[in-house]
Structure formats: C-alpha cells, structure tokens
Amino acid sequence: MAVSYKKLFKMLIDRDMKKKDFREFVGISYSTLNKLEKGENTNVEVLERICLKLSCGIDDIMEILPDSPDNGTGRGVE
C-alpha cells in the first residue's frame, strides 16, 4: 500500500502557507518534509504533531492508496 500526502499540501496551499513556514511552524526537519513530498513513510509522532498544529485530523492530511498492478509492488488487487 502507498501513502499520499497530497491532501496536506493542498491544505497548505489553501492556507497560503509556504513549505518553509510549515516546516518551521510544525517543527519538522527538511528531510522529513522531503519524505512527505515523496509519499514515503514517516513517524506517527510527526503526523500527530502536524495534525495538532494544523487543527485537523489524520484523514485531512493523508490517504492510503491500495496496491495496483502498475505501482511496482508486484502485487495486484486481491
């Protein structure tokens, strides 16, 4: 399964918040921001901090995408 943080970055656009300002406001490192941008795994504590700072729920910043035959996992929909 893949994770998408597109909802988070759309929220930042809607709030007119630059990525640098977001990173400083939440207190995450540049490498953690890069992980979010690439849809890579990150610590649940980071996601919790983001939600608390932005006053939102986890489903407002991310979504879990099901495996598909073309995402490179070698597993199709079961």
N, C-alpha and C. Protein backbone atom coordinates (compact mmCIF):
# COMPACT_ATOMS: atom_id res chain seq x y z
N MET A 1 0.84 -1.18 0.00
CA MET A 1 0.00 0.00 0.00
C MET A 1 0.89 1.24 0.00
N ALA A 2 0.41 2.25 -0.67
CA ALA A 2 1.14 3.51 -0.76
C ALA A 2 0.42 4.58 0.05
N VAL A 3 1.17 5.56 0.47
CA VAL A 3 0.63 6.67 1.24
C VAL A 3 0.75 7.94 0.40
N SER A 4 -0.28 8.75 0.43
CA SER A 4 -0.25 10.03 -0.27
C SER A 4 -0.51 11.16 0.72
N TYR A 5 0.31 12.19 0.63
CA TYR A 5 0.14 13.38 1.47
C TYR A 5 -0.33 14.57 0.64
N LYS A 6 -0.94 14.30 -0.51
CA LYS A 6 -1.44 15.38 -1.37
C LYS A 6 -2.44 16.27 -0.64
N LYS A 7 -3.24 15.66 0.23
CA LYS A 7 -4.22 16.44 1.00
C LYS A 7 -3.52 17.48 1.87
N LEU A 8 -2.39 17.10 2.45
CA LEU A 8 -1.63 18.02 3.29
C LEU A 8 -1.15 19.21 2.47
N PHE A 9 -0.57 18.94 1.31
CA PHE A 9 -0.02 20.03 0.52
C PHE A 9 -1.11 20.90 -0.10
N LYS A 10 -2.28 20.31 -0.37
CA LYS A 10 -3.41 21.12 -0.82
C LYS A 10 -3.86 22.03 0.33
N MET A 11 -3.87 21.49 1.56
CA MET A 11 -4.25 22.29 2.71
C MET A 11 -3.29 23.48 2.89
N LEU A 12 -2.01 23.24 2.68
CA LEU A 12 -1.03 24.33 2.81
C LEU A 12 -1.30 25.41 1.77
N ILE A 13 -1.63 24.99 0.55
CA ILE A 13 -1.96 25.95 -0.50
C ILE A 13 -3.20 26.75 -0.11
N ASP A 14 -4.23 26.04 0.37
CA ASP A 14 -5.47 26.71 0.77
C ASP A 14 -5.24 27.70 1.91
N ARG A 15 -4.29 27.40 2.78
CA ARG A 15 -3.98 28.28 3.92
C ARG A 15 -2.89 29.30 3.58
N ASP A 16 -2.46 29.30 2.32
CA ASP A 16 -1.42 30.22 1.85
C ASP A 16 -0.16 30.10 2.70
N MET A 17 0.22 28.86 3.00
CA MET A 17 1.40 28.60 3.82
C MET A 17 2.50 27.98 2.97
N LYS A 18 3.66 28.60 2.99
CA LYS A 18 4.80 28.06 2.24
C LYS A 18 5.37 26.86 2.99
N LYS A 19 6.01 25.97 2.24
CA LYS A 19 6.57 24.76 2.83
C LYS A 19 7.58 25.09 3.92
N LYS A 20 8.38 26.10 3.71
CA LYS A 20 9.37 26.51 4.72
C LYS A 20 8.68 26.96 5.99
N ASP A 21 7.63 27.76 5.84
CA ASP A 21 6.88 28.24 7.01
C ASP A 21 6.21 27.07 7.73
N PHE A 22 5.65 26.13 6.95
CA PHE A 22 5.03 24.94 7.52
C PHE A 22 6.03 24.13 8.32
N ARG A 23 7.20 23.92 7.74
CA ARG A 23 8.25 23.13 8.40
C ARG A 23 8.65 23.76 9.72
N GLU A 24 8.83 25.06 9.74
CA GLU A 24 9.20 25.76 10.97
C GLU A 24 8.06 25.77 11.98
N PHE A 25 6.83 25.96 11.51
CA PHE A 25 5.65 26.02 12.39
C PHE A 25 5.43 24.68 13.11
N VAL A 26 5.57 23.59 12.36
CA VAL A 26 5.33 22.26 12.93
C VAL A 26 6.56 21.75 13.69
N GLY A 27 7.74 22.18 13.27
CA GLY A 27 8.96 21.74 13.91
C GLY A 27 9.48 20.43 13.36
N ILE A 28 9.46 20.30 12.02
CA ILE A 28 10.00 19.10 11.39
C ILE A 28 11.23 19.47 10.58
N SER A 29 12.04 18.47 10.32
CA SER A 29 13.27 18.70 9.57
C SER A 29 13.00 18.76 8.07
N TYR A 30 13.98 19.25 7.36
CA TYR A 30 13.90 19.32 5.90
C TYR A 30 13.76 17.91 5.33
N SER A 31 14.47 16.93 5.89
CA SER A 31 14.41 15.56 5.37
C SER A 31 13.02 14.95 5.61
N THR A 32 12.38 15.29 6.72
CA THR A 32 11.02 14.80 6.97
C THR A 32 10.05 15.40 5.97
N LEU A 33 10.21 16.68 5.66
CA LEU A 33 9.37 17.32 4.66
C LEU A 33 9.57 16.63 3.31
N ASN A 34 10.80 16.29 2.97
CA ASN A 34 11.07 15.59 1.71
C ASN A 34 10.38 14.24 1.68
N LYS A 35 10.37 13.52 2.80
CA LYS A 35 9.67 12.23 2.87
C LYS A 35 8.19 12.42 2.60
N LEU A 36 7.61 13.44 3.19
CA LEU A 36 6.19 13.72 2.97
C LEU A 36 5.93 14.03 1.50
N GLU A 37 6.80 14.82 0.90
CA GLU A 37 6.63 15.19 -0.51
C GLU A 37 6.71 13.97 -1.42
N LYS A 38 7.54 13.01 -1.05
CA LYS A 38 7.73 11.80 -1.87
C LYS A 38 6.76 10.68 -1.51
N GLY A 39 5.92 10.90 -0.51
CA GLY A 39 4.97 9.87 -0.10
C GLY A 39 5.63 8.70 0.61
N GLU A 40 6.76 8.97 1.25
CA GLU A 40 7.47 7.92 1.97
C GLU A 40 6.96 7.82 3.41
N ASN A 41 7.30 6.72 4.06
CA ASN A 41 6.89 6.51 5.44
C ASN A 41 7.55 7.53 6.36
N THR A 42 6.79 7.95 7.35
CA THR A 42 7.31 8.85 8.37
C THR A 42 6.74 8.44 9.72
N ASN A 43 7.32 8.94 10.75
CA ASN A 43 6.95 8.60 12.11
C ASN A 43 5.53 9.08 12.43
N VAL A 44 4.77 8.27 13.15
CA VAL A 44 3.41 8.65 13.54
C VAL A 44 3.43 9.89 14.43
N GLU A 45 4.46 10.07 15.22
CA GLU A 45 4.57 11.26 16.07
C GLU A 45 4.63 12.52 15.23
N VAL A 46 5.26 12.45 14.07
CA VAL A 46 5.32 13.60 13.16
C VAL A 46 3.92 13.92 12.64
N LEU A 47 3.19 12.88 12.24
CA LEU A 47 1.83 13.08 11.73
C LEU A 47 0.93 13.65 12.82
N GLU A 48 1.11 13.17 14.05
CA GLU A 48 0.34 13.70 15.18
C GLU A 48 0.64 15.18 15.39
N ARG A 49 1.91 15.55 15.35
CA ARG A 49 2.30 16.95 15.55
C ARG A 49 1.71 17.84 14.45
N ILE A 50 1.74 17.34 13.21
CA ILE A 50 1.16 18.10 12.10
C ILE A 50 -0.33 18.34 12.34
N CYS A 51 -1.04 17.29 12.71
CA CYS A 51 -2.49 17.41 12.94
C CYS A 51 -2.79 18.36 14.09
N LEU A 52 -2.03 18.27 15.17
CA LEU A 52 -2.27 19.16 16.31
C LEU A 52 -2.00 20.61 15.94
N LYS A 53 -0.90 20.86 15.23
CA LYS A 53 -0.55 22.24 14.86
C LYS A 53 -1.53 22.83 13.85
N LEU A 54 -2.05 21.98 12.93
CA LEU A 54 -2.95 22.48 11.90
C LEU A 54 -4.42 22.32 12.30
N SER A 55 -4.67 21.79 13.49
CA SER A 55 -6.03 21.58 13.99
C SER A 55 -6.88 20.79 12.99
N CYS A 56 -6.38 19.61 12.65
CA CYS A 56 -7.08 18.77 11.69
C CYS A 56 -6.92 17.31 12.07
N GLY A 57 -7.61 16.44 11.37
CA GLY A 57 -7.50 15.01 11.60
C GLY A 57 -6.53 14.37 10.63
N ILE A 58 -6.13 13.15 10.92
CA ILE A 58 -5.17 12.44 10.08
C ILE A 58 -5.70 12.26 8.66
N ASP A 59 -7.00 12.05 8.53
CA ASP A 59 -7.58 11.86 7.19
C ASP A 59 -7.64 13.17 6.40
N ASP A 60 -7.36 14.30 7.05
CA ASP A 60 -7.31 15.58 6.36
C ASP A 60 -5.95 15.82 5.70
N ILE A 61 -4.93 15.06 6.11
CA ILE A 61 -3.58 15.30 5.58
C ILE A 61 -3.02 14.14 4.78
N MET A 62 -3.64 12.95 4.88
CA MET A 62 -3.08 11.81 4.16
C MET A 62 -4.16 10.83 3.77
N GLU A 63 -3.81 9.96 2.84
CA GLU A 63 -4.69 8.86 2.49
C GLU A 63 -3.83 7.67 2.10
N ILE A 64 -4.38 6.50 2.33
CA ILE A 64 -3.69 5.26 1.99
C ILE A 64 -4.28 4.76 0.69
N LEU A 65 -3.39 4.56 -0.28
CA LEU A 65 -3.81 4.12 -1.60
C LEU A 65 -3.62 2.61 -1.72
N PRO A 66 -4.61 1.91 -2.25
CA PRO A 66 -4.47 0.46 -2.40
C PRO A 66 -3.42 0.12 -3.46
N ASP A 67 -2.87 -1.08 -3.33
CA ASP A 67 -1.92 -1.55 -4.33
C ASP A 67 -2.63 -1.67 -5.67
N SER A 68 -1.88 -1.37 -6.72
CA SER A 68 -2.40 -1.55 -8.06
C SER A 68 -1.36 -2.31 -8.88
N PRO A 69 -1.77 -2.95 -9.96
CA PRO A 69 -0.81 -3.74 -10.74
C PRO A 69 0.34 -2.93 -11.30
N ASP A 70 0.17 -1.61 -11.44
CA ASP A 70 1.21 -0.80 -12.07
C ASP A 70 2.04 0.04 -11.09
N ASN A 71 1.94 -0.20 -9.79
CA ASN A 71 2.72 0.63 -8.86
C ASN A 71 4.06 0.01 -8.49
N GLY A 72 4.43 -1.08 -9.12
CA GLY A 72 5.76 -1.64 -8.90
C GLY A 72 5.90 -2.58 -7.73
N THR A 73 4.82 -2.90 -7.05
CA THR A 73 4.93 -3.78 -5.90
C THR A 73 4.90 -5.25 -6.31
N GLY A 74 4.42 -5.51 -7.52
CA GLY A 74 4.33 -6.88 -7.95
C GLY A 74 3.08 -7.57 -7.44
N ARG A 75 2.25 -6.82 -6.73
CA ARG A 75 1.01 -7.37 -6.19
C ARG A 75 -0.16 -6.66 -6.83
N GLY A 76 -1.12 -7.40 -7.27
CA GLY A 76 -2.32 -6.83 -7.84
C GLY A 76 -3.37 -6.68 -6.78
N VAL A 77 -4.53 -6.22 -7.19
CA VAL A 77 -5.65 -6.10 -6.26
C VAL A 77 -6.14 -7.50 -5.94
N GLU A 78 -6.28 -7.78 -4.67
CA GLU A 78 -6.68 -9.14 -4.26
C GLU A 78 -8.13 -9.20 -3.91
